[in-house]
């Protein structure tokens, strides 16, 4: 299991479109991918779970990957989040 803190940079936070992009990226990997924010844990492969976390611009999330391809998953997801998830 590996984890890393990431700051959400896109101006609208994790609303529907960036949440969908995050989930689509996470689903490419076999690892269990979650993130924690404000005392809650969300499944990064579930759009509803990501939306339910209510992450806004500037919020810091702790991304957690656990599985055979965890390093590749972490690298790809951190890059996607830091690049604004398509926004």
PDB file of N, CA and C in Angstrom:
ATOM      1  N   UNK A   1       0.847  -1.182   0.000  1.00  0.00           N
ATOM      2  CA  UNK A   1       0.000   0.000   0.000  1.00  0.00           C
ATOM      3  C   UNK A   1       0.890   1.242   0.000  1.00  0.00           C
ATOM      4  N   UNK A   2       0.547   2.179  -0.868  1.00  0.00           N
ATOM      5  CA  UNK A   2       1.249   3.455  -0.895  1.00  0.00           C
ATOM      6  C   UNK A   2       0.214   4.579  -0.826  1.00  0.00           C
ATOM      7  N   UNK A   3       0.635   5.732  -0.333  1.00  0.00           N
ATOM      8  CA  UNK A   3      -0.272   6.877  -0.254  1.00  0.00           C
ATOM      9  C   UNK A   3       0.498   8.158  -0.491  1.00  0.00           C
ATOM     10  N   UNK A   4      -0.237   9.160  -0.916  1.00  0.00           N
ATOM     11  CA  UNK A   4       0.373  10.457  -1.200  1.00  0.00           C
ATOM     12  C   UNK A   4      -0.680  11.541  -1.094  1.00  0.00           C
ATOM     13  N   UNK A   5      -0.297  12.681  -0.540  1.00  0.00           N
ATOM     14  CA  UNK A   5      -1.200  13.826  -0.484  1.00  0.00           C
ATOM     15  C   UNK A   5      -1.132  14.589  -1.798  1.00  0.00           C
ATOM     16  N   UNK A   6      -2.300  15.032  -2.277  1.00  0.00           N
ATOM     17  CA  UNK A   6      -2.392  15.777  -3.524  1.00  0.00           C
ATOM     18  C   UNK A   6      -3.380  16.922  -3.311  1.00  0.00           C
ATOM     19  N   UNK A   7      -3.059  18.090  -3.841  1.00  0.00           N
ATOM     20  CA  UNK A   7      -3.972  19.231  -3.764  1.00  0.00           C
ATOM     21  C   UNK A   7      -4.759  19.313  -5.064  1.00  0.00           C
ATOM     22  N   UNK A   8      -6.089  19.395  -4.935  1.00  0.00           N
ATOM     23  CA  UNK A   8      -6.967  19.511  -6.102  1.00  0.00           C
ATOM     24  C   UNK A   8      -6.872  20.946  -6.612  1.00  0.00           C
ATOM     25  N   UNK A   9      -6.465  21.091  -7.872  1.00  0.00           N
ATOM     26  CA  UNK A   9      -6.179  22.419  -8.419  1.00  0.00           C
ATOM     27  C   UNK A   9      -7.258  22.961  -9.343  1.00  0.00           C
ATOM     28  N   UNK A  10      -8.111  22.094  -9.886  1.00  0.00           N
ATOM     29  CA  UNK A  10      -9.091  22.622 -10.830  1.00  0.00           C
ATOM     30  C   UNK A  10     -10.102  23.514 -10.100  1.00  0.00           C
ATOM     31  N   UNK A  11     -10.515  24.611 -10.738  1.00  0.00           N
ATOM     32  CA  UNK A  11     -11.296  25.659 -10.072  1.00  0.00           C
ATOM     33  C   UNK A  11     -12.634  25.216  -9.478  1.00  0.00           C
ATOM     34  N   UNK A  12     -13.231  24.186 -10.017  1.00  0.00           N
ATOM     35  CA  UNK A  12     -14.545  23.768  -9.528  1.00  0.00           C
ATOM     36  C   UNK A  12     -14.491  22.540  -8.633  1.00  0.00           C
ATOM     37  N   UNK A  13     -13.290  22.093  -8.279  1.00  0.00           N
ATOM     38  CA  UNK A  13     -13.171  20.911  -7.431  1.00  0.00           C
ATOM     39  C   UNK A  13     -13.550  19.651  -8.187  1.00  0.00           C
ATOM     40  N   UNK A  14     -13.965  18.628  -7.440  1.00  0.00           N
ATOM     41  CA  UNK A  14     -14.325  17.350  -8.078  1.00  0.00           C
ATOM     42  C   UNK A  14     -15.825  17.279  -8.339  1.00  0.00           C
ATOM     43  N   UNK A  15     -16.300  18.109  -9.269  1.00  0.00           N
ATOM     44  CA  UNK A  15     -17.694  18.008  -9.689  1.00  0.00           C
ATOM     45  C   UNK A  15     -17.813  16.899 -10.730  1.00  0.00           C
ATOM     46  N   UNK A  16     -18.933  16.780 -11.398  1.00  0.00           N
ATOM     47  CA  UNK A  16     -19.227  15.603 -12.217  1.00  0.00           C
ATOM     48  C   UNK A  16     -18.176  15.278 -13.288  1.00  0.00           C
ATOM     49  N   UNK A  17     -17.789  16.239 -14.095  1.00  0.00           N
ATOM     50  CA  UNK A  17     -16.856  15.933 -15.186  1.00  0.00           C
ATOM     51  C   UNK A  17     -15.484  15.493 -14.672  1.00  0.00           C
ATOM     52  N   UNK A  18     -14.836  16.264 -13.776  1.00  0.00           N
ATOM     53  CA  UNK A  18     -13.542  15.789 -13.295  1.00  0.00           C
ATOM     54  C   UNK A  18     -13.641  14.514 -12.463  1.00  0.00           C
ATOM     55  N   UNK A  19     -14.753  14.324 -11.764  1.00  0.00           N
ATOM     56  CA  UNK A  19     -14.944  13.075 -11.013  1.00  0.00           C
ATOM     57  C   UNK A  19     -14.991  11.896 -11.977  1.00  0.00           C
ATOM     58  N   UNK A  20     -15.661  12.080 -13.102  1.00  0.00           N
ATOM     59  CA  UNK A  20     -15.735  11.039 -14.127  1.00  0.00           C
ATOM     60  C   UNK A  20     -14.371  10.731 -14.724  1.00  0.00           C
ATOM     61  N   UNK A  21     -13.575  11.775 -14.949  1.00  0.00           N
ATOM     62  CA  UNK A  21     -12.228  11.583 -15.491  1.00  0.00           C
ATOM     63  C   UNK A  21     -11.356  10.842 -14.484  1.00  0.00           C
ATOM     64  N   UNK A  22     -11.467  11.217 -13.209  1.00  0.00           N
ATOM     65  CA  UNK A  22     -10.709  10.541 -12.158  1.00  0.00           C
ATOM     66  C   UNK A  22     -11.087   9.058 -12.092  1.00  0.00           C
ATOM     67  N   UNK A  23     -12.370   8.768 -12.119  1.00  0.00           N
ATOM     68  CA  UNK A  23     -12.837   7.374 -12.067  1.00  0.00           C
ATOM     69  C   UNK A  23     -12.379   6.581 -13.280  1.00  0.00           C
ATOM     70  N   UNK A  24     -12.469   7.193 -14.440  1.00  0.00           N
ATOM     71  CA  UNK A  24     -12.055   6.507 -15.671  1.00  0.00           C
ATOM     72  C   UNK A  24     -10.574   6.147 -15.607  1.00  0.00           C
ATOM     73  N   UNK A  25      -9.770   7.063 -15.091  1.00  0.00           N
ATOM     74  CA  UNK A  25      -8.334   6.802 -14.945  1.00  0.00           C
ATOM     75  C   UNK A  25      -8.099   5.705 -13.913  1.00  0.00           C
ATOM     76  N   UNK A  26      -8.794   5.772 -12.786  1.00  0.00           N
ATOM     77  CA  UNK A  26      -8.615   4.791 -11.709  1.00  0.00           C
ATOM     78  C   UNK A  26      -9.018   3.383 -12.158  1.00  0.00           C
ATOM     79  N   UNK A  27     -10.023   3.293 -13.005  1.00  0.00           N
ATOM     80  CA  UNK A  27     -10.516   1.984 -13.443  1.00  0.00           C
ATOM     81  C   UNK A  27      -9.548   1.262 -14.387  1.00  0.00           C
ATOM     82  N   UNK A  28      -8.525   1.948 -14.844  1.00  0.00           N
ATOM     83  CA  UNK A  28      -7.520   1.318 -15.702  1.00  0.00           C
ATOM     84  C   UNK A  28      -6.611   0.369 -14.910  1.00  0.00           C
ATOM     85  N   UNK A  29      -6.685   0.442 -13.586  1.00  0.00           N
ATOM     86  CA  UNK A  29      -5.763  -0.309 -12.736  1.00  0.00           C
ATOM     87  C   UNK A  29      -6.488  -1.335 -11.883  1.00  0.00           C
ATOM     88  N   UNK A  30      -5.795  -2.420 -11.575  1.00  0.00           N
ATOM     89  CA  UNK A  30      -6.368  -3.490 -10.756  1.00  0.00           C
ATOM     90  C   UNK A  30      -6.378  -3.131  -9.275  1.00  0.00           C
ATOM     91  N   UNK A  31      -5.494  -2.245  -8.864  1.00  0.00           N
ATOM     92  CA  UNK A  31      -5.354  -1.881  -7.451  1.00  0.00           C
ATOM     93  C   UNK A  31      -6.632  -1.267  -6.886  1.00  0.00           C
ATOM     94  N   UNK A  32      -6.787  -1.431  -5.579  1.00  0.00           N
ATOM     95  CA  UNK A  32      -7.830  -0.729  -4.849  1.00  0.00           C
ATOM     96  C   UNK A  32      -7.356   0.710  -4.716  1.00  0.00           C
ATOM     97  N   UNK A  33      -8.155   1.660  -5.200  1.00  0.00           N
ATOM     98  CA  UNK A  33      -7.760   3.064  -5.178  1.00  0.00           C
ATOM     99  C   UNK A  33      -8.823   3.856  -4.432  1.00  0.00           C
ATOM    100  N   UNK A  34      -8.412   4.476  -3.345  1.00  0.00           N
ATOM    101  CA  UNK A  34      -9.314   5.290  -2.540  1.00  0.00           C
ATOM    102  C   UNK A  34      -8.625   6.612  -2.224  1.00  0.00           C
ATOM    103  N   UNK A  35      -9.396   7.541  -1.687  1.00  0.00           N
ATOM    104  CA  UNK A  35      -8.781   8.748  -1.141  1.00  0.00           C
ATOM    105  C   UNK A  35      -9.535   9.156   0.103  1.00  0.00           C
ATOM    106  N   UNK A  36      -8.816   9.788   0.995  1.00  0.00           N
ATOM    107  CA  UNK A  36      -9.454  10.274   2.219  1.00  0.00           C
ATOM    108  C   UNK A  36      -9.441  11.797   2.207  1.00  0.00           C
ATOM    109  N   UNK A  37     -10.538  12.355   2.701  1.00  0.00           N
ATOM    110  CA  UNK A  37     -10.689  13.805   2.773  1.00  0.00           C
ATOM    111  C   UNK A  37     -11.678  14.133   3.874  1.00  0.00           C
ATOM    112  N   UNK A  38     -11.298  15.012   4.751  1.00  0.00           N
ATOM    113  CA  UNK A  38     -12.181  15.507   5.807  1.00  0.00           C
ATOM    114  C   UNK A  38     -12.773  14.369   6.639  1.00  0.00           C
ATOM    115  N   UNK A  39     -11.949  13.370   6.934  1.00  0.00           N
ATOM    116  CA  UNK A  39     -12.387  12.273   7.785  1.00  0.00           C
ATOM    117  C   UNK A  39     -13.180  11.176   7.088  1.00  0.00           C
ATOM    118  N   UNK A  40     -13.391  11.310   5.798  1.00  0.00           N
ATOM    119  CA  UNK A  40     -14.143  10.299   5.042  1.00  0.00           C
ATOM    120  C   UNK A  40     -13.225   9.634   4.024  1.00  0.00           C
ATOM    121  N   UNK A  41     -13.605   8.426   3.618  1.00  0.00           N
ATOM    122  CA  UNK A  41     -12.868   7.704   2.587  1.00  0.00           C
ATOM    123  C   UNK A  41     -13.787   7.490   1.395  1.00  0.00           C
ATOM    124  N   UNK A  42     -13.262   7.754   0.199  1.00  0.00           N
ATOM    125  CA  UNK A  42     -14.048   7.601  -1.026  1.00  0.00           C
ATOM    126  C   UNK A  42     -13.354   6.616  -1.963  1.00  0.00           C
ATOM    127  N   UNK A  43     -14.160   5.841  -2.673  1.00  0.00           N
ATOM    128  CA  UNK A  43     -13.664   4.917  -3.686  1.00  0.00           C
ATOM    129  C   UNK A  43     -13.429   5.710  -4.970  1.00  0.00           C
ATOM    130  N   UNK A  44     -12.187   5.784  -5.420  1.00  0.00           N
ATOM    131  CA  UNK A  44     -11.854   6.568  -6.605  1.00  0.00           C
ATOM    132  C   UNK A  44     -12.409   5.964  -7.897  1.00  0.00           C
ATOM    133  N   UNK A  45     -12.924   4.738  -7.827  1.00  0.00           N
ATOM    134  CA  UNK A  45     -13.500   4.093  -9.012  1.00  0.00           C
ATOM    135  C   UNK A  45     -15.024   4.271  -9.080  1.00  0.00           C
ATOM    136  N   UNK A  46     -15.592   5.031  -8.153  1.00  0.00           N
ATOM    137  CA  UNK A  46     -17.033   5.265  -8.111  1.00  0.00           C
ATOM    138  C   UNK A  46     -17.322   6.761  -8.204  1.00  0.00           C
ATOM    139  N   UNK A  47     -17.997   7.172  -9.271  1.00  0.00           N
ATOM    140  CA  UNK A  47     -18.316   8.592  -9.456  1.00  0.00           C
ATOM    141  C   UNK A  47     -19.139   9.105  -8.278  1.00  0.00           C
ATOM    142  N   UNK A  48     -20.120   8.341  -7.829  1.00  0.00           N
ATOM    143  CA  UNK A  48     -20.951   8.795  -6.709  1.00  0.00           C
ATOM    144  C   UNK A  48     -20.141   8.950  -5.431  1.00  0.00           C
ATOM    145  N   UNK A  49     -19.214   8.063  -5.200  1.00  0.00           N
ATOM    146  CA  UNK A  49     -18.362   8.152  -4.021  1.00  0.00           C
ATOM    147  C   UNK A  49     -17.473   9.390  -4.092  1.00  0.00           C
ATOM    148  N   UNK A  50     -16.909   9.659  -5.264  1.00  0.00           N
ATOM    149  CA  UNK A  50     -16.058  10.839  -5.451  1.00  0.00           C
ATOM    150  C   UNK A  50     -16.874  12.116  -5.262  1.00  0.00           C
ATOM    151  N   UNK A  51     -18.060  12.168  -5.863  1.00  0.00           N
ATOM    152  CA  UNK A  51     -18.919  13.347  -5.726  1.00  0.00           C
ATOM    153  C   UNK A  51     -19.334  13.559  -4.268  1.00  0.00           C
ATOM    154  N   UNK A  52     -19.601  12.473  -3.564  1.00  0.00           N
ATOM    155  CA  UNK A  52     -20.034  12.547  -2.174  1.00  0.00           C
ATOM    156  C   UNK A  52     -18.977  13.095  -1.237  1.00  0.00           C
ATOM    157  N   UNK A  53     -17.724  13.084  -1.652  1.00  0.00           N
ATOM    158  CA  UNK A  53     -16.645  13.608  -0.811  1.00  0.00           C
ATOM    159  C   UNK A  53     -16.645  15.140  -0.761  1.00  0.00           C
ATOM    160  N   UNK A  54     -17.308  15.777  -1.727  1.00  0.00           N
ATOM    161  CA  UNK A  54     -17.435  17.248  -1.771  1.00  0.00           C
ATOM    162  C   UNK A  54     -16.077  17.957  -1.725  1.00  0.00           C
ATOM    163  N   UNK A  55     -15.166  17.524  -2.569  1.00  0.00           N
ATOM    164  CA  UNK A  55     -13.831  18.117  -2.621  1.00  0.00           C
ATOM    165  C   UNK A  55     -13.879  19.384  -3.476  1.00  0.00           C
ATOM    166  N   UNK A  56     -13.337  20.474  -2.929  1.00  0.00           N
ATOM    167  CA  UNK A  56     -13.324  21.769  -3.601  1.00  0.00           C
ATOM    168  C   UNK A  56     -11.898  22.114  -4.046  1.00  0.00           C
ATOM    169  N   UNK A  57     -11.789  23.166  -4.832  1.00  0.00           N
ATOM    170  CA  UNK A  57     -10.492  23.653  -5.278  1.00  0.00           C
ATOM    171  C   UNK A  57      -9.634  24.024  -4.070  1.00  0.00           C
ATOM    172  N   UNK A  58      -8.390  23.587  -4.094  1.00  0.00           N
ATOM    173  CA  UNK A  58      -7.462  23.889  -3.009  1.00  0.00           C
ATOM    174  C   UNK A  58      -7.473  22.881  -1.876  1.00  0.00           C
ATOM    175  N   UNK A  59      -8.434  21.955  -1.884  1.00  0.00           N
ATOM    176  CA  UNK A  59      -8.489  20.920  -0.844  1.00  0.00           C
ATOM    177  C   UNK A  59      -7.379  19.900  -1.073  1.00  0.00           C
ATOM    178  N   UNK A  60      -6.858  19.378   0.024  1.00  0.00           N
ATOM    179  CA  UNK A  60      -5.833  18.344  -0.052  1.00  0.00           C
ATOM    180  C   UNK A  60      -6.465  16.998   0.268  1.00  0.00           C
ATOM    181  N   UNK A  61      -6.261  16.041  -0.641  1.00  0.00           N
ATOM    182  CA  UNK A  61      -6.764  14.688  -0.416  1.00  0.00           C
ATOM    183  C   UNK A  61      -5.569  13.758  -0.238  1.00  0.00           C
ATOM    184  N   UNK A  62      -5.793  12.653   0.446  1.00  0.00           N
ATOM    185  CA  UNK A  62      -4.749  11.624   0.598  1.00  0.00           C
ATOM    186  C   UNK A  62      -5.139  10.456  -0.285  1.00  0.00           C
ATOM    187  N   UNK A  63      -4.412  10.272  -1.369  1.00  0.00           N
ATOM    188  CA  UNK A  63      -4.664   9.215  -2.337  1.00  0.00           C
ATOM    189  C   UNK A  63      -3.982   7.939  -1.863  1.00  0.00           C
ATOM    190  N   UNK A  64      -4.727   6.819  -1.878  1.00  0.00           N
ATOM    191  CA  UNK A  64      -4.210   5.541  -1.384  1.00  0.00           C
ATOM    192  C   UNK A  64      -4.402   4.478  -2.465  1.00  0.00           C
ATOM    193  N   UNK A  65      -3.316   3.796  -2.818  1.00  0.00           N
ATOM    194  CA  UNK A  65      -3.371   2.724  -3.816  1.00  0.00           C
ATOM    195  C   UNK A  65      -2.815   1.454  -3.181  1.00  0.00           C
ATOM    196  N   UNK A  66      -3.525   0.351  -3.407  1.00  0.00           N
ATOM    197  CA  UNK A  66      -3.098  -0.922  -2.840  1.00  0.00           C
ATOM    198  C   UNK A  66      -3.340  -2.039  -3.844  1.00  0.00           C
ATOM    199  N   UNK A  67      -2.248  -2.655  -4.303  1.00  0.00           N
ATOM    200  CA  UNK A  67      -2.380  -3.759  -5.251  1.00  0.00           C
ATOM    201  C   UNK A  67      -1.129  -3.929  -6.097  1.00  0.00           C
ATOM    202  N   UNK A  68      -1.244  -4.791  -7.086  1.00  0.00           N
ATOM    203  CA  UNK A  68      -0.085  -5.165  -7.895  1.00  0.00           C
ATOM    204  C   UNK A  68       0.452  -4.024  -8.751  1.00  0.00           C
ATOM    205  N   UNK A  69      -0.419  -3.123  -9.167  1.00  0.00           N
ATOM    206  CA  UNK A  69       0.024  -2.009 -10.028  1.00  0.00           C
ATOM    207  C   UNK A  69      -0.107  -0.665  -9.313  1.00  0.00           C
ATOM    208  N   UNK A  70       0.062  -0.685  -7.988  1.00  0.00           N
ATOM    209  CA  UNK A  70      -0.165   0.513  -7.178  1.00  0.00           C
ATOM    210  C   UNK A  70       0.746   1.682  -7.549  1.00  0.00           C
ATOM    211  N   UNK A  71       1.995   1.417  -7.889  1.00  0.00           N
ATOM    212  CA  UNK A  71       2.919   2.513  -8.223  1.00  0.00           C
ATOM    213  C   UNK A  71       2.508   3.201  -9.513  1.00  0.00           C
ATOM    214  N   UNK A  72       2.155   2.414 -10.519  1.00  0.00           N
ATOM    215  CA  UNK A  72       1.707   2.989 -11.791  1.00  0.00           C
ATOM    216  C   UNK A  72       0.408   3.765 -11.595  1.00  0.00           C
ATOM    217  N   UNK A  73      -0.511   3.213 -10.811  1.00  0.00           N
ATOM    218  CA  UNK A  73      -1.782   3.873 -10.550  1.00  0.00           C
ATOM    219  C   UNK A  73      -1.570   5.201  -9.836  1.00  0.00           C
ATOM    220  N   UNK A  74      -0.721   5.198  -8.821  1.00  0.00           N
ATOM    221  CA  UNK A  74      -0.460   6.426  -8.063  1.00  0.00           C
ATOM    222  C   UNK A  74       0.121   7.502  -8.967  1.00  0.00           C
ATOM    223  N   UNK A  75       1.100   7.124  -9.763  1.00  0.00           N
ATOM    224  CA  UNK A  75       1.747   8.087 -10.661  1.00  0.00           C
ATOM    225  C   UNK A  75       0.736   8.693 -11.636  1.00  0.00           C
ATOM    226  N   UNK A  76      -0.091   7.856 -12.240  1.00  0.00           N
ATOM    227  CA  UNK A  76      -1.068   8.335 -13.219  1.00  0.00           C
ATOM    228  C   UNK A  76      -2.129   9.230 -12.575  1.00  0.00           C
ATOM    229  N   UNK A  77      -2.611   8.847 -11.401  1.00  0.00           N
ATOM    230  CA  UNK A  77      -3.666   9.627 -10.757  1.00  0.00           C
ATOM    231  C   UNK A  77      -3.147  10.950 -10.205  1.00  0.00           C
ATOM    232  N   UNK A  78      -1.968  10.945  -9.627  1.00  0.00           N
ATOM    233  CA  UNK A  78      -1.382  12.198  -9.145  1.00  0.00           C
ATOM    234  C   UNK A  78      -1.178  13.157 -10.319  1.00  0.00           C
ATOM    235  N   UNK A  79      -0.670  12.651 -11.424  1.00  0.00           N
ATOM    236  CA  UNK A  79      -0.468  13.488 -12.616  1.00  0.00           C
ATOM    237  C   UNK A  79      -1.793  14.049 -13.113  1.00  0.00           C
ATOM    238  N   UNK A  80      -2.817  13.204 -13.175  1.00  0.00           N
ATOM    239  CA  UNK A  80      -4.131  13.659 -13.654  1.00  0.00           C
ATOM    240  C   UNK A  80      -4.702  14.744 -12.738  1.00  0.00           C
ATOM    241  N   UNK A  81      -4.605  14.552 -11.434  1.00  0.00           N
ATOM    242  CA  UNK A  81      -5.143  15.534 -10.480  1.00  0.00           C
ATOM    243  C   UNK A  81      -4.349  16.840 -10.569  1.00  0.00           C
ATOM    244  N   UNK A  82      -3.036  16.739 -10.607  1.00  0.00           N
ATOM    245  CA  UNK A  82      -2.204  17.940 -10.683  1.00  0.00           C
ATOM    246  C   UNK A  82      -2.392  18.700 -11.991  1.00  0.00           C
ATOM    247  N   UNK A  83      -2.801  18.007 -13.050  1.00  0.00           N
ATOM    248  CA  UNK A  83      -3.052  18.658 -14.328  1.00  0.00           C
ATOM    249  C   UNK A  83      -4.477  19.169 -14.465  1.00  0.00           C
ATOM    250  N   UNK A  84      -5.272  19.082 -13.395  1.00  0.00           N
ATOM    251  CA  UNK A  84      -6.604  19.683 -13.394  1.00  0.00           C
ATOM    252  C   UNK A  84      -7.733  18.796 -13.888  1.00  0.00           C
ATOM    253  N   UNK A  85      -7.471  17.516 -14.115  1.00  0.00           N
ATOM    254  CA  UNK A  85      -8.520  16.578 -14.558  1.00  0.00           C
ATOM    255  C   UNK A  85      -9.318  17.104 -15.744  1.00  0.00           C
ATOM    256  N   UNK A  86      -8.597  17.585 -16.755  1.00  0.00           N
ATOM    257  CA  UNK A  86      -9.239  18.004 -17.986  1.00  0.00           C
ATOM    258  C   UNK A  86      -9.829  19.394 -17.971  1.00  0.00           C
ATOM    259  N   UNK A  87      -9.589  20.156 -16.937  1.00  0.00           N
ATOM    260  CA  UNK A  87     -10.138  21.525 -16.896  1.00  0.00           C
ATOM    261  C   UNK A  87      -9.053  22.558 -16.891  1.00  0.00           C
TER     262      UNK A  87
END
